Amino acid sequence: MKYQLAGKVVLISGGSKGLGLAMAREFGAAGARVVIAARDPVELSQAADWLLTQGIRAEARVCDFRQTKPLPRWWPASKRSSGRSTSW
């Protein structure tokens, strides 16, 4: 990745597997702190643990983006815990 993301926070939906997890890995490798979200708490926890073993600062948030009610709570909670959110 050609961008320097040190000091940035990236929020990734669908971050427990597949493309979302790959994006979290790449953003983290570029220096960003990542906040991953997904529906399955077990898969999400495993993904966050794996990212941490890769040296990536990661936080996990259970959220079902098929529902609109969690969205207003998810974004502010992520900003509070990570200090700021710079990309989503």
C-alpha atoms as a PDB file:
ATOM      1  CA  MET A   1       0.000   0.000   0.000  1.00  0.00           C
ATOM      2  CA  LYS A   2       1.487   3.338  -0.988  1.00  0.00           C
ATOM      3  CA  TYR A   3      -0.318   5.461   1.606  1.00  0.00           C
ATOM      4  CA  GLN A   4       1.045   6.169   5.071  1.00  0.00           C
ATOM      5  CA  LEU A   5      -1.739   5.569   7.551  1.00  0.00           C
ATOM      6  CA  ALA A   6       0.154   5.924  10.821  1.00  0.00           C
ATOM      7  CA  GLY A   7      -2.087   7.647  13.347  1.00  0.00           C
ATOM      8  CA  LYS A   8      -5.234   6.999  11.327  1.00  0.00           C
ATOM      9  CA  VAL A   9      -8.192   4.885  12.389  1.00  0.00           C
ATOM     10  CA  VAL A  10     -10.043   2.805   9.802  1.00  0.00           C
ATOM     11  CA  LEU A  11     -13.480   1.307  10.474  1.00  0.00           C
ATOM     12  CA  ILE A  12     -14.192  -1.853   8.469  1.00  0.00           C
ATOM     13  CA  SER A  13     -17.555  -3.569   8.239  1.00  0.00           C
ATOM     14  CA  GLY A  14     -17.467  -7.279   7.466  1.00  0.00           C
ATOM     15  CA  GLY A  15     -14.014  -7.375   9.027  1.00  0.00           C
ATOM     16  CA  SER A  16     -14.103 -10.898  10.444  1.00  0.00           C
ATOM     17  CA  LYS A  17     -13.257 -12.733   7.203  1.00  0.00           C
ATOM     18  CA  GLY A  18     -12.684 -12.470   3.494  1.00  0.00           C
ATOM     19  CA  LEU A  19     -12.152  -9.107   1.898  1.00  0.00           C
ATOM     20  CA  GLY A  20     -12.902  -7.195   5.110  1.00  0.00           C
ATOM     21  CA  LEU A  21     -10.220  -9.081   7.042  1.00  0.00           C
ATOM     22  CA  ALA A  22      -7.756  -8.685   4.170  1.00  0.00           C
ATOM     23  CA  MET A  23      -8.430  -4.948   4.135  1.00  0.00           C
ATOM     24  CA  ALA A  24      -7.928  -4.762   7.892  1.00  0.00           C
ATOM     25  CA  ARG A  25      -4.600  -6.559   7.519  1.00  0.00           C
ATOM     26  CA  GLU A  26      -3.424  -4.202   4.760  1.00  0.00           C
ATOM     27  CA  PHE A  27      -4.576  -1.012   6.477  1.00  0.00           C
ATOM     28  CA  GLY A  28      -2.974  -2.213   9.704  1.00  0.00           C
ATOM     29  CA  ALA A  29       0.266  -3.096   7.929  1.00  0.00           C
ATOM     30  CA  ALA A  30       0.299   0.463   6.579  1.00  0.00           C
ATOM     31  CA  GLY A  31       0.162   1.765  10.156  1.00  0.00           C
ATOM     32  CA  ALA A  32      -3.541   2.360  10.739  1.00  0.00           C
ATOM     33  CA  ARG A  33      -5.398   1.234  13.794  1.00  0.00           C
ATOM     34  CA  VAL A  34      -8.367  -0.824  12.632  1.00  0.00           C
ATOM     35  CA  VAL A  35     -11.815  -1.250  14.129  1.00  0.00           C
ATOM     36  CA  ILE A  36     -13.491  -4.267  12.584  1.00  0.00           C
ATOM     37  CA  ALA A  37     -17.206  -4.989  12.753  1.00  0.00           C
ATOM     38  CA  ALA A  38     -19.218  -8.095  11.931  1.00  0.00           C
ATOM     39  CA  ARG A  39     -22.314  -9.979  13.072  1.00  0.00           C
ATOM     40  CA  ASP A  40     -20.695 -13.127  14.472  1.00  0.00           C
ATOM     41  CA  PRO A  41     -18.954 -12.406  17.790  1.00  0.00           C
ATOM     42  CA  VAL A  42     -16.882 -15.606  17.703  1.00  0.00           C
ATOM     43  CA  GLU A  43     -15.527 -15.012  14.189  1.00  0.00           C
ATOM     44  CA  LEU A  44     -14.982 -11.356  15.024  1.00  0.00           C
ATOM     45  CA  SER A  45     -12.996 -12.174  18.143  1.00  0.00           C
ATOM     46  CA  GLN A  46     -10.876 -14.701  16.248  1.00  0.00           C
ATOM     47  CA  ALA A  47     -10.190 -12.160  13.504  1.00  0.00           C
ATOM     48  CA  ALA A  48      -9.192  -9.463  15.997  1.00  0.00           C
ATOM     49  CA  ASP A  49      -6.918 -11.903  17.837  1.00  0.00           C
ATOM     50  CA  TRP A  50      -5.276 -12.918  14.555  1.00  0.00           C
ATOM     51  CA  LEU A  51      -4.708  -9.281  13.591  1.00  0.00           C
ATOM     52  CA  LEU A  52      -3.092  -8.661  16.975  1.00  0.00           C
ATOM     53  CA  THR A  53      -0.726 -11.612  16.416  1.00  0.00           C
ATOM     54  CA  GLN A  54       0.269  -9.906  13.162  1.00  0.00           C
ATOM     55  CA  GLY A  55       1.242  -6.778  15.091  1.00  0.00           C
ATOM     56  CA  ILE A  56      -1.832  -4.837  13.982  1.00  0.00           C
ATOM     57  CA  ARG A  57      -3.666  -2.641  16.463  1.00  0.00           C
ATOM     58  CA  ALA A  58      -7.208  -3.925  16.149  1.00  0.00           C
ATOM     59  CA  GLU A  59     -10.471  -3.573  17.992  1.00  0.00           C
ATOM     60  CA  ALA A  60     -13.633  -5.602  17.359  1.00  0.00           C
ATOM     61  CA  ARG A  61     -17.248  -4.421  17.483  1.00  0.00           C
ATOM     62  CA  VAL A  62     -20.244  -6.671  16.971  1.00  0.00           C
ATOM     63  CA  CYS A  63     -22.672  -4.937  14.639  1.00  0.00           C
ATOM     64  CA  ASP A  64     -25.300  -6.075  12.146  1.00  0.00           C
ATOM     65  CA  PHE A  65     -25.260  -3.556   9.327  1.00  0.00           C
ATOM     66  CA  ARG A  66     -28.408  -5.080   7.863  1.00  0.00           C
ATOM     67  CA  GLN A  67     -30.166  -3.236  10.682  1.00  0.00           C
ATOM     68  CA  THR A  68     -30.050   0.546  10.866  1.00  0.00           C
ATOM     69  CA  LYS A  69     -30.509   0.902  14.634  1.00  0.00           C
ATOM     70  CA  PRO A  70     -26.936  -0.102  15.627  1.00  0.00           C
ATOM     71  CA  LEU A  71     -25.315   2.385  13.256  1.00  0.00           C
ATOM     72  CA  PRO A  72     -25.839   5.562  15.294  1.00  0.00           C
ATOM     73  CA  ARG A  73     -24.323   3.788  18.336  1.00  0.00           C
ATOM     74  CA  TRP A  74     -21.466   2.010  16.534  1.00  0.00           C
ATOM     75  CA  TRP A  75     -19.770   5.045  15.034  1.00  0.00           C
ATOM     76  CA  PRO A  76     -19.605   7.168  18.243  1.00  0.00           C
ATOM     77  CA  ALA A  77     -18.543   4.161  20.343  1.00  0.00           C
ATOM     78  CA  SER A  78     -15.720   3.446  17.912  1.00  0.00           C
ATOM     79  CA  LYS A  79     -14.639   7.084  17.941  1.00  0.00           C
ATOM     80  CA  ARG A  80     -14.637   7.183  21.763  1.00  0.00           C
ATOM     81  CA  SER A  81     -12.568   4.037  22.144  1.00  0.00           C
ATOM     82  CA  SER A  82     -10.082   4.758  19.381  1.00  0.00           C
ATOM     83  CA  GLY A  83      -9.755   8.478  19.818  1.00  0.00           C
ATOM     84  CA  ARG A  84     -10.924   9.340  16.323  1.00  0.00           C
ATOM     85  CA  SER A  85     -12.184   7.770  13.165  1.00  0.00           C
ATOM     86  CA  THR A  86     -10.605   8.916   9.964  1.00  0.00           C
ATOM     87  CA  SER A  87     -11.748   6.396   7.354  1.00  0.00           C
ATOM     88  CA  TRP A  88     -14.706   4.112   6.867  1.00  0.00           C
END
